[in-house]
Amino acid sequence: MSLMSGAGVQAIRWSALLFVSAIFVYVLESAHLPAALLLGPMLAAILFAGFEKQVAVPPTVGLMAQGVIGCMIATTIPLSILGELARDWPLFLAGVVSVVVAACSLGLVLAKLQVLPGTTAIWGSFPGAASAMTIMADSFGADMRLVAFMQYLRVVCVSVVASTIARIWVGHSGTPLPAMVWFPPVDWLALAATILLIVMSFFVTRWFKIAAGIFLLPMILGIVLQNTGVMKIELPPWLLAASYALVGWTIGLRFTRPILAHAARALPRVLGAILALMAICGVFAVALVYFAGIDPLTAYLATSPGGADSVAIISASSNVDIPFVMAMQLARFLVILVAGPAIARLVVKWSGLRDATRVPLP
């Protein structure tokens, strides 16, 4: 009887979590903020965690959702980007290195001021895809909750500012995005191959204990297999939405009241660091305009420290050089993807800071 009672309580809590998540997603989508399908469930889960309502995403299910997001990112990285990068590689190298150095420097300041611990401040400051940085940070010893707090706060700030600038620059908000079709026709064979790739990555990650492997392997293999025509990655919108929600819940449900209090105390200084990074990137954009002849809006979106997904949405409705913008954003993401763990460790080691795993956060 007690087991049935416990199952009943869990069913009620999950129903409530789904309902609150849907409300948050609706509000964020109405505000045209990117990543609403992940951010909404994460905020709902944080709310539940703050009220100490015990709900948990099964670990295997959460990991599979990370694999879906890895495949999703693979679909956004065409091999044609290599031609764009090769054509103007000194420009891209300078743009990527300057933004990464600025972000790491601000992360180091936050760590030195003890706003956030060790590598957590560095991972939270990395200007990559927010979901990717959060997932990888957890596998490399940083505090996933505080990294998510920093990353998604920056996503909101950058998206609002970039959208406003684009709207002012072009005089309108651009062509409206088409309505989402949640249940389009599905290539079931391709979907089966995509799921098989994720499942195989899951077992390889477990057998060989690869850090962030369930996210990285589907992404890396997906890029190669799809661009060489070996397979087609099929991710229906309903599967992506469910995966975003699962990852959001996984992150949000890890929050505790002490962590929420820590994030609230850190908010002013973290927000200051985000605004400082945005201003520095604005200076880099001005440099691109004057020294490389890039038009101002293209330069601003290319150097913007938001995620490539949000910048892509804004670029698509603006009169900018989209290949240049996306090449700069994706080049920066790939650099952080490959070098991020080493950069975070080196910054902590050289600065004499303690690693996040040794800081007694709850």
Protein backbone atom coordinates (compact mmCIF):
# COMPACT_ATOMS: atom_id res chain seq x y z
CA MET A 1 0.00 0.00 0.00
CA SER A 2 2.83 2.38 0.87
CA LEU A 3 4.48 1.54 -2.47
CA MET A 4 1.26 2.40 -4.32
CA SER A 5 0.99 5.59 -2.30
CA GLY A 6 4.57 6.55 -3.20
CA ALA A 7 3.93 5.79 -6.88
CA GLY A 8 0.79 7.92 -6.72
CA VAL A 9 2.70 10.84 -5.23
CA GLN A 10 5.36 10.55 -7.94
CA ALA A 11 2.69 10.47 -10.65
CA ILE A 12 1.10 13.64 -9.26
CA ARG A 13 4.49 15.38 -9.03
CA TRP A 14 5.43 14.42 -12.58
CA SER A 15 2.07 15.64 -13.85
CA ALA A 16 2.57 18.93 -12.04
CA LEU A 17 6.12 19.23 -13.38
CA LEU A 18 4.88 18.65 -16.94
CA PHE A 19 2.15 21.26 -16.50
CA VAL A 20 4.49 23.91 -15.05
CA SER A 21 7.11 23.13 -17.72
CA ALA A 22 4.51 23.66 -20.45
CA ILE A 23 3.60 27.05 -18.96
CA PHE A 24 7.25 28.15 -18.86
CA VAL A 25 7.83 26.95 -22.43
CA TYR A 26 4.76 28.85 -23.64
CA VAL A 27 5.91 32.06 -21.93
CA LEU A 28 9.47 31.78 -23.26
CA GLU A 29 8.29 30.89 -26.77
CA SER A 30 5.92 33.86 -26.70
CA ALA A 31 8.90 36.06 -25.85
CA HIS A 32 10.74 34.54 -28.86
CA LEU A 33 13.63 33.35 -26.69
CA PRO A 34 15.75 30.49 -28.08
CA ALA A 35 16.20 27.21 -26.20
CA ALA A 36 12.71 27.60 -24.67
CA LEU A 37 12.10 23.85 -24.92
CA LEU A 38 15.09 23.23 -22.65
CA LEU A 39 15.03 26.39 -20.57
CA GLY A 40 11.32 26.09 -19.66
CA PRO A 41 11.56 22.57 -18.18
CA MET A 42 14.81 23.52 -16.44
CA LEU A 43 13.15 26.50 -14.74
CA ALA A 44 10.18 24.35 -13.74
CA ALA A 45 12.52 21.71 -12.29
CA ILE A 46 14.47 24.37 -10.38
CA LEU A 47 11.16 25.59 -8.92
CA PHE A 48 10.29 22.06 -7.81
CA ALA A 49 13.78 21.51 -6.39
CA GLY A 50 13.47 24.77 -4.44
CA PHE A 51 10.27 23.48 -2.84
CA GLU A 52 12.07 20.16 -2.21
CA LYS A 53 9.61 18.12 -4.25
CA GLN A 54 11.55 14.94 -4.94
CA VAL A 55 11.37 13.95 -8.61
CA ALA A 56 14.17 12.28 -10.55
CA VAL A 57 14.89 11.55 -14.21
CA PRO A 58 16.19 7.97 -14.61
CA PRO A 59 19.94 8.29 -15.37
CA THR A 60 19.85 6.14 -18.52
CA VAL A 61 16.93 8.14 -19.94
CA GLY A 62 18.76 11.40 -19.24
CA LEU A 63 21.90 10.13 -20.96
CA MET A 64 19.96 9.02 -24.03
CA ALA A 65 18.48 12.53 -24.24
CA GLN A 66 22.02 13.93 -24.24
CA GLY A 67 22.79 11.63 -27.17
CA VAL A 68 19.83 13.05 -29.10
CA ILE A 69 21.15 16.58 -28.53
CA GLY A 70 24.59 15.43 -29.73
CA CYS A 71 22.99 14.19 -32.95
CA MET A 72 21.05 17.44 -33.29
CA ILE A 73 24.25 19.48 -33.12
CA ALA A 74 25.79 17.15 -35.73
CA THR A 75 23.05 18.17 -38.18
CA THR A 76 24.05 21.85 -37.82
CA ILE A 77 27.73 21.37 -38.75
CA PRO A 78 28.17 20.80 -42.50
CA LEU A 79 31.60 20.00 -43.88
CA SER A 80 31.15 23.00 -46.18
CA ILE A 81 32.10 25.14 -43.20
CA LEU A 82 35.70 24.02 -43.79
CA GLY A 83 35.79 25.94 -47.07
CA GLU A 84 34.56 29.11 -45.39
CA LEU A 85 37.15 28.71 -42.63
CA ALA A 86 40.00 27.94 -45.02
CA ARG A 87 39.27 30.99 -47.15
CA ASP A 88 39.64 33.49 -44.30
CA TRP A 89 41.40 31.45 -41.63
CA PRO A 90 43.48 34.30 -40.10
CA LEU A 91 40.28 36.30 -39.58
CA PHE A 92 38.45 33.37 -37.99
CA LEU A 93 41.45 32.45 -35.85
CA ALA A 94 41.72 35.98 -34.50
CA GLY A 95 37.97 36.18 -33.87
CA VAL A 96 37.77 32.84 -32.09
CA VAL A 97 40.89 33.26 -29.96
CA SER A 98 40.01 36.81 -28.89
CA VAL A 99 36.52 35.87 -27.68
CA VAL A 100 37.71 32.70 -25.91
CA VAL A 101 40.53 34.58 -24.15
CA ALA A 102 38.12 37.32 -23.06
CA ALA A 103 35.62 34.76 -21.75
CA CYS A 104 38.28 32.80 -19.85
CA SER A 105 39.67 36.01 -18.34
CA LEU A 106 36.26 37.02 -17.02
CA GLY A 107 35.69 33.48 -15.73
CA LEU A 108 39.03 33.69 -13.95
CA VAL A 109 38.00 36.98 -12.34
CA LEU A 110 34.79 35.37 -11.07
CA ALA A 111 36.77 32.46 -9.66
CA LYS A 112 39.39 34.73 -8.06
CA LEU A 113 36.62 36.74 -6.40
CA GLN A 114 35.14 33.44 -5.17
CA VAL A 115 31.87 34.17 -6.91
CA LEU A 116 31.98 30.67 -8.40
CA PRO A 117 34.36 27.78 -7.71
CA GLY A 118 37.29 26.62 -9.86
CA THR A 119 36.52 25.24 -13.29
CA THR A 120 32.83 26.00 -12.83
CA ALA A 121 33.49 29.68 -13.50
CA ILE A 122 35.53 28.83 -16.62
CA TRP A 123 32.96 26.41 -18.08
CA GLY A 124 30.17 28.85 -17.30
CA SER A 125 32.04 31.59 -19.16
CA PHE A 126 32.84 29.54 -22.28
CA PRO A 127 30.96 31.09 -25.24
CA GLY A 128 29.77 27.85 -26.78
CA ALA A 129 26.42 26.14 -27.18
CA ALA A 130 24.88 26.34 -23.71
CA SER A 131 23.53 22.78 -23.66
CA ALA A 132 26.86 21.36 -24.84
CA MET A 133 28.90 23.34 -22.30
CA THR A 134 26.58 22.31 -19.45
CA ILE A 135 26.68 18.62 -20.35
CA MET A 136 30.46 18.58 -20.84
CA ALA A 137 31.10 20.58 -17.67
CA ASP A 138 29.36 17.91 -15.60
CA SER A 139 31.60 15.21 -17.09
CA PHE A 140 34.79 17.19 -16.43
CA GLY A 141 34.29 17.99 -12.76
CA ALA A 142 32.50 21.37 -12.79
CA ASP A 143 29.19 22.05 -11.04
CA MET A 144 26.55 21.47 -13.71
CA ARG A 145 23.96 23.57 -11.90
CA LEU A 146 26.01 26.74 -11.68
CA VAL A 147 27.37 26.30 -15.21
CA ALA A 148 23.78 26.07 -16.47
CA PHE A 149 22.91 29.17 -14.43
CA MET A 150 25.69 31.16 -16.13
CA GLN A 151 25.23 29.75 -19.63
CA TYR A 152 21.49 30.25 -19.89
CA LEU A 153 21.56 33.65 -18.24
CA ARG A 154 23.99 34.67 -21.00
CA VAL A 155 21.75 33.08 -23.66
CA VAL A 156 18.86 35.25 -22.50
CA CYS A 157 20.97 38.43 -22.30
CA VAL A 158 22.65 37.94 -25.68
CA SER A 159 19.42 36.93 -27.41
CA VAL A 160 17.53 39.97 -26.14
CA VAL A 161 20.31 42.41 -27.07
CA ALA A 162 21.13 40.81 -30.44
CA SER A 163 17.45 40.62 -31.42
CA THR A 164 16.95 44.26 -30.45
CA ILE A 165 20.00 45.41 -32.42
CA ALA A 166 18.96 43.37 -35.47
CA ARG A 167 15.42 44.77 -35.28
CA ILE A 168 16.66 48.36 -35.04
CA TRP A 169 19.26 47.82 -37.79
CA VAL A 170 16.89 46.37 -40.38
CA GLY A 171 13.85 48.36 -39.24
CA HIS A 172 11.72 45.28 -38.53
CA SER A 173 11.98 41.90 -36.90
CA GLY A 174 12.41 40.09 -40.20
CA THR A 175 10.24 37.48 -41.82
CA PRO A 176 8.26 35.43 -39.31
CA LEU A 177 9.46 31.90 -38.72
CA PRO A 178 7.12 29.18 -40.03
CA ALA A 179 4.89 27.44 -37.50
CA MET A 180 6.37 24.31 -35.99
CA VAL A 181 4.99 21.02 -37.33
CA TRP A 182 5.36 18.66 -34.40
CA PHE A 183 4.40 15.44 -36.18
CA PRO A 184 5.73 15.60 -39.75
CA PRO A 185 6.26 12.46 -41.87
CA VAL A 186 9.15 10.47 -40.42
CA ASP A 187 11.83 8.47 -42.22
CA TRP A 188 11.56 5.54 -39.83
CA LEU A 189 14.61 3.72 -41.19
CA ALA A 190 16.77 6.83 -40.68
CA LEU A 191 15.26 7.33 -37.22
CA ALA A 192 16.11 3.72 -36.32
CA ALA A 193 19.70 4.28 -37.51
CA THR A 194 19.92 7.49 -35.45
CA ILE A 195 18.66 5.73 -32.32
CA LEU A 196 21.08 2.86 -32.95
CA LEU A 197 23.95 5.38 -33.13
CA ILE A 198 22.89 6.84 -29.77
CA VAL A 199 22.51 3.41 -28.12
CA MET A 200 25.89 2.24 -29.41
CA SER A 201 27.47 5.47 -28.16
CA PHE A 202 25.87 4.87 -24.77
CA PHE A 203 27.44 1.41 -24.42
CA VAL A 204 30.84 2.52 -25.78
CA THR A 205 30.82 5.40 -23.30
CA ARG A 206 30.00 3.06 -20.43
CA TRP A 207 32.54 0.39 -21.43
CA PHE A 208 35.45 2.77 -22.02
CA LYS A 209 34.40 5.40 -19.44
CA ILE A 210 34.64 8.29 -21.95
CA ALA A 211 33.94 11.65 -20.34
CA ALA A 212 30.83 13.20 -21.98
CA GLY A 213 30.97 10.34 -24.48
CA ILE A 214 27.20 9.94 -24.78
CA PHE A 215 27.09 13.51 -26.05
CA LEU A 216 30.37 13.69 -27.98
CA LEU A 217 30.30 10.34 -29.81
CA PRO A 218 26.89 10.80 -31.50
CA MET A 219 27.91 14.33 -32.42
CA ILE A 220 31.31 13.47 -33.91
CA LEU A 221 30.17 10.27 -35.62
CA GLY A 222 27.00 11.98 -36.77
CA ILE A 223 28.97 14.77 -38.46
CA VAL A 224 31.15 12.26 -40.31
CA LEU A 225 28.43 9.74 -41.23
CA GLN A 226 25.87 12.29 -42.37
CA ASN A 227 28.28 14.46 -44.36
CA THR A 228 29.75 11.41 -46.13
CA GLY A 229 26.28 10.12 -47.01
CA VAL A 230 26.57 6.93 -44.95
CA MET A 231 23.48 7.75 -42.93
CA LYS A 232 20.85 10.42 -42.48
CA ILE A 233 20.21 11.74 -38.99
CA GLU A 234 16.45 11.82 -38.42
CA LEU A 235 15.21 13.73 -35.38
CA PRO A 236 11.46 14.45 -35.39
CA PRO A 237 10.45 17.63 -33.52
CA TRP A 238 8.58 15.61 -30.88
CA LEU A 239 11.73 13.61 -30.09
CA LEU A 240 13.85 16.76 -29.88
CA ALA A 241 11.29 18.44 -27.61
CA ALA A 242 11.19 15.42 -25.28
CA SER A 243 15.00 15.28 -25.18
CA TYR A 244 15.32 19.00 -24.45
CA ALA A 245 12.81 18.63 -21.63
CA LEU A 246 14.63 15.62 -20.15
CA VAL A 247 17.98 17.43 -20.18
CA GLY A 248 16.34 20.53 -18.69
CA TRP A 249 14.77 18.47 -15.92
CA THR A 250 18.04 16.63 -15.28
CA ILE A 251 19.82 19.95 -14.75
CA GLY A 252 17.07 21.70 -12.81
CA LEU A 253 16.29 18.86 -10.41
CA ARG A 254 19.90 18.88 -9.22
CA PHE A 255 19.45 22.34 -7.71
CA THR A 256 19.05 22.65 -3.97
CA ARG A 257 18.08 25.57 -1.78
CA PRO A 258 21.75 26.29 -0.85
CA ILE A 259 22.72 26.25 -4.54
CA LEU A 260 19.83 28.57 -5.39
CA ALA A 261 20.90 30.91 -2.61
CA HIS A 262 24.48 30.81 -3.92
CA ALA A 263 23.26 31.60 -7.45
CA ALA A 264 21.15 34.49 -6.17
CA ARG A 265 24.14 35.99 -4.33
CA ALA A 266 26.32 35.55 -7.41
CA LEU A 267 23.72 36.98 -9.83
CA PRO A 268 24.86 40.66 -9.84
CA ARG A 269 28.51 39.83 -10.47
CA VAL A 270 27.75 37.07 -12.97
CA LEU A 271 25.45 39.44 -14.84
CA GLY A 272 28.19 42.07 -14.77
CA ALA A 273 30.66 39.57 -16.27
CA ILE A 274 28.16 38.65 -19.00
CA LEU A 275 27.56 42.30 -19.91
CA ALA A 276 31.33 42.91 -19.89
CA LEU A 277 31.87 39.98 -22.28
CA MET A 278 29.13 41.28 -24.56
CA ALA A 279 30.77 44.73 -24.58
CA ILE A 280 34.21 43.25 -25.32
CA CYS A 281 32.73 41.21 -28.19
CA GLY A 282 31.17 44.45 -29.45
CA VAL A 283 34.66 45.96 -29.57
CA PHE A 284 35.89 42.93 -31.55
CA ALA A 285 32.97 43.45 -33.95
CA VAL A 286 34.04 47.07 -34.47
CA ALA A 287 37.55 45.80 -35.27
CA LEU A 288 36.11 43.44 -37.91
CA VAL A 289 34.23 46.34 -39.46
CA TYR A 290 37.26 48.64 -39.67
CA PHE A 291 40.03 46.16 -40.43
CA ALA A 292 38.22 43.47 -42.45
CA GLY A 293 35.41 45.41 -44.10
CA ILE A 294 32.66 43.26 -42.60
CA ASP A 295 29.28 44.94 -42.36
CA PRO A 296 28.44 45.95 -38.74
CA LEU A 297 25.47 43.64 -38.10
CA THR A 298 27.28 40.61 -39.56
CA ALA A 299 30.34 41.42 -37.43
CA TYR A 300 28.26 41.82 -34.27
CA LEU A 301 26.37 38.54 -34.73
CA ALA A 302 29.58 36.68 -35.66
CA THR A 303 31.37 37.76 -32.47
CA SER A 304 28.28 37.57 -30.23
CA PRO A 305 28.96 35.25 -27.26
CA GLY A 306 25.55 33.58 -27.49
CA GLY A 307 24.95 30.05 -28.71
CA ALA A 308 25.10 29.28 -32.43
CA ASP A 309 21.43 28.23 -32.38
CA SER A 310 20.10 31.56 -31.13
CA VAL A 311 22.42 33.52 -33.43
CA ALA A 312 21.28 31.40 -36.38
CA ILE A 313 17.64 32.25 -35.67
CA ILE A 314 18.40 35.98 -35.48
CA SER A 315 20.64 35.88 -38.58
CA ALA A 316 17.99 34.08 -40.62
CA SER A 317 15.62 37.03 -40.23
CA SER A 318 18.26 39.72 -40.85
CA ASN A 319 20.15 40.94 -43.91
CA VAL A 320 23.57 39.57 -42.93
CA ASP A 321 26.27 37.28 -44.31
CA ILE A 322 24.88 34.09 -42.75
CA PRO A 323 27.73 31.75 -43.87
CA PHE A 324 30.30 34.07 -42.25
CA VAL A 325 28.30 34.40 -39.04
CA MET A 326 27.74 30.66 -38.67
CA ALA A 327 31.33 29.80 -39.62
CA MET A 328 32.63 32.08 -36.86
CA GLN A 329 30.14 30.73 -34.31
CA LEU A 330 30.72 27.08 -35.19
CA ALA A 331 34.51 27.50 -35.35
CA ARG A 332 34.46 28.90 -31.80
CA PHE A 333 32.21 26.08 -30.65
CA LEU A 334 34.49 23.43 -32.17
CA VAL A 335 37.59 24.99 -30.59
CA ILE A 336 35.97 24.97 -27.15
CA LEU A 337 34.62 21.47 -27.75
CA VAL A 338 38.12 20.14 -28.44
CA ALA A 339 40.19 22.31 -26.12
CA GLY A 340 37.68 23.29 -23.44
CA PRO A 341 38.59 20.66 -20.82
CA ALA A 342 42.32 21.37 -21.20
CA ILE A 343 41.76 25.15 -21.12
CA ALA A 344 39.68 24.92 -17.95
CA ARG A 345 42.26 22.76 -16.19
CA LEU A 346 45.18 24.95 -17.28
CA VAL A 347 43.49 28.17 -16.17
CA VAL A 348 42.78 26.67 -12.76
CA LYS A 349 46.31 25.28 -12.46
CA TRP A 350 48.10 28.47 -13.55
CA SER A 351 45.95 30.69 -11.36
CA GLY A 352 46.39 28.56 -8.25
CA LEU A 353 42.63 28.11 -7.86
CA ARG A 354 41.05 25.03 -6.44
CA ASP A 355 39.13 22.79 -8.79
CA ALA A 356 35.34 22.78 -8.57
CA THR A 357 35.33 19.19 -7.33
CA ARG A 358 37.16 20.27 -4.17
CA VAL A 359 34.82 23.11 -3.29
CA PRO A 360 32.18 21.99 -0.77
CA LEU A 361 29.06 23.21 -2.57
CA PRO A 362 25.92 21.26 -1.62
